Amino acid sequence: MNSWKYQKIIELVGMRIRSTRQSQELTIEDLAEACDMHPTSLGRVERGDTSPTLHSLVKIADALNTDLAEFLEGIPG
């Protein structure tokens, strides 16, 4: 996979996390605390500045009471 495509996937996942968080009216600090992450780290994930680990994605999905697949649905491989 080329780096441009990989970056776009990271950005899309981050946007989906942010959208889900905002729809639940949670601050980034609320979500970070719920999934045991630093707010700055979570912000970097939401902006697509960094690729979250699978462990982090599972913790974020759990804290948002959503299925991990929702962050990845429809993303071409």
C-alpha atoms as a PDB file:
ATOM      1  CA  MET A   1       0.000   0.000   0.000  1.00  0.00           C
ATOM      2  CA  ASN A   2       1.403   3.378  -0.902  1.00  0.00           C
ATOM      3  CA  SER A   3       2.002   5.929   1.839  1.00  0.00           C
ATOM      4  CA  TRP A   4      -0.595   8.391   0.460  1.00  0.00           C
ATOM      5  CA  LYS A   5      -3.363   5.770   0.655  1.00  0.00           C
ATOM      6  CA  TYR A   6      -2.231   4.690   4.128  1.00  0.00           C
ATOM      7  CA  GLN A   7      -2.334   8.307   5.352  1.00  0.00           C
ATOM      8  CA  LYS A   8      -5.853   8.790   3.973  1.00  0.00           C
ATOM      9  CA  ILE A   9      -7.043   5.691   5.863  1.00  0.00           C
ATOM     10  CA  ILE A  10      -5.512   6.991   9.106  1.00  0.00           C
ATOM     11  CA  GLU A  11      -7.232  10.363   8.573  1.00  0.00           C
ATOM     12  CA  LEU A  12     -10.589   8.740   7.841  1.00  0.00           C
ATOM     13  CA  VAL A  13     -10.437   6.576  10.967  1.00  0.00           C
ATOM     14  CA  GLY A  14      -9.543   9.645  13.033  1.00  0.00           C
ATOM     15  CA  MET A  15     -12.463  11.609  11.583  1.00  0.00           C
ATOM     16  CA  ARG A  16     -14.823   8.758  12.417  1.00  0.00           C
ATOM     17  CA  ILE A  17     -13.572   8.632  15.993  1.00  0.00           C
ATOM     18  CA  ARG A  18     -14.017  12.403  16.356  1.00  0.00           C
ATOM     19  CA  SER A  19     -17.481  12.308  14.816  1.00  0.00           C
ATOM     20  CA  THR A  20     -18.612   9.507  17.132  1.00  0.00           C
ATOM     21  CA  ARG A  21     -17.173  11.310  20.162  1.00  0.00           C
ATOM     22  CA  GLN A  22     -18.876  14.570  19.244  1.00  0.00           C
ATOM     23  CA  SER A  23     -22.209  12.877  18.544  1.00  0.00           C
ATOM     24  CA  GLN A  24     -22.075  11.567  22.106  1.00  0.00           C
ATOM     25  CA  GLU A  25     -21.277  15.084  23.350  1.00  0.00           C
ATOM     26  CA  LEU A  26     -17.991  14.003  24.905  1.00  0.00           C
ATOM     27  CA  THR A  27     -14.966  16.244  25.170  1.00  0.00           C
ATOM     28  CA  ILE A  28     -11.634  14.910  24.065  1.00  0.00           C
ATOM     29  CA  GLU A  29     -10.623  14.918  27.727  1.00  0.00           C
ATOM     30  CA  ASP A  30     -13.666  12.802  28.655  1.00  0.00           C
ATOM     31  CA  LEU A  31     -12.879  10.210  26.018  1.00  0.00           C
ATOM     32  CA  ALA A  32      -9.162  10.206  26.768  1.00  0.00           C
ATOM     33  CA  GLU A  33      -9.861   9.512  30.427  1.00  0.00           C
ATOM     34  CA  ALA A  34     -12.361   6.758  29.575  1.00  0.00           C
ATOM     35  CA  CYS A  35      -9.886   4.941  27.355  1.00  0.00           C
ATOM     36  CA  ASP A  36      -6.780   5.665  29.464  1.00  0.00           C
ATOM     37  CA  MET A  37      -5.054   7.834  26.889  1.00  0.00           C
ATOM     38  CA  HIS A  38      -3.530  11.277  27.104  1.00  0.00           C
ATOM     39  CA  PRO A  39      -5.791  13.919  25.487  1.00  0.00           C
ATOM     40  CA  THR A  40      -2.918  15.077  23.276  1.00  0.00           C
ATOM     41  CA  SER A  41      -2.379  11.541  21.969  1.00  0.00           C
ATOM     42  CA  LEU A  42      -6.068  11.111  21.282  1.00  0.00           C
ATOM     43  CA  GLY A  43      -6.150  14.476  19.492  1.00  0.00           C
ATOM     44  CA  ARG A  44      -3.297  13.336  17.244  1.00  0.00           C
ATOM     45  CA  VAL A  45      -5.283  10.200  16.389  1.00  0.00           C
ATOM     46  CA  GLU A  46      -8.421  12.211  15.616  1.00  0.00           C
ATOM     47  CA  ARG A  47      -6.478  14.588  13.338  1.00  0.00           C
ATOM     48  CA  GLY A  48      -4.814  11.706  11.527  1.00  0.00           C
ATOM     49  CA  ASP A  49      -1.368  12.811  12.659  1.00  0.00           C
ATOM     50  CA  THR A  50      -0.577   9.354  14.013  1.00  0.00           C
ATOM     51  CA  SER A  51      -1.715   5.813  13.432  1.00  0.00           C
ATOM     52  CA  PRO A  52      -3.413   4.324  16.495  1.00  0.00           C
ATOM     53  CA  THR A  53      -2.430   0.857  17.616  1.00  0.00           C
ATOM     54  CA  LEU A  54      -5.032  -1.869  17.481  1.00  0.00           C
ATOM     55  CA  HIS A  55      -5.023  -1.838  21.280  1.00  0.00           C
ATOM     56  CA  SER A  56      -5.835   1.878  21.304  1.00  0.00           C
ATOM     57  CA  LEU A  57      -8.585   1.471  18.706  1.00  0.00           C
ATOM     58  CA  VAL A  58     -10.213  -1.253  20.792  1.00  0.00           C
ATOM     59  CA  LYS A  59     -10.060   0.933  23.918  1.00  0.00           C
ATOM     60  CA  ILE A  60     -11.521   3.915  22.046  1.00  0.00           C
ATOM     61  CA  ALA A  61     -14.347   1.847  20.551  1.00  0.00           C
ATOM     62  CA  ASP A  62     -15.114   0.362  23.974  1.00  0.00           C
ATOM     63  CA  ALA A  63     -15.149   3.804  25.620  1.00  0.00           C
ATOM     64  CA  LEU A  64     -17.537   5.037  22.915  1.00  0.00           C
ATOM     65  CA  ASN A  65     -19.727   1.926  23.270  1.00  0.00           C
ATOM     66  CA  THR A  66     -19.366   1.250  19.571  1.00  0.00           C
ATOM     67  CA  ASP A  67     -18.155  -1.610  17.445  1.00  0.00           C
ATOM     68  CA  LEU A  68     -14.573  -1.353  16.240  1.00  0.00           C
ATOM     69  CA  ALA A  69     -15.786  -2.223  12.736  1.00  0.00           C
ATOM     70  CA  GLU A  70     -17.629   1.121  12.522  1.00  0.00           C
ATOM     71  CA  PHE A  71     -14.285   2.921  12.353  1.00  0.00           C
ATOM     72  CA  LEU A  72     -13.143   0.722   9.459  1.00  0.00           C
ATOM     73  CA  GLU A  73     -16.374   0.069   7.571  1.00  0.00           C
ATOM     74  CA  GLY A  74     -16.204   0.719   3.862  1.00  0.00           C
ATOM     75  CA  ILE A  75     -12.513   1.590   3.801  1.00  0.00           C
ATOM     76  CA  PRO A  76     -10.934  -0.033   0.759  1.00  0.00           C
ATOM     77  CA  GLY A  77      -7.950  -2.229   1.544  1.00  0.00           C
END
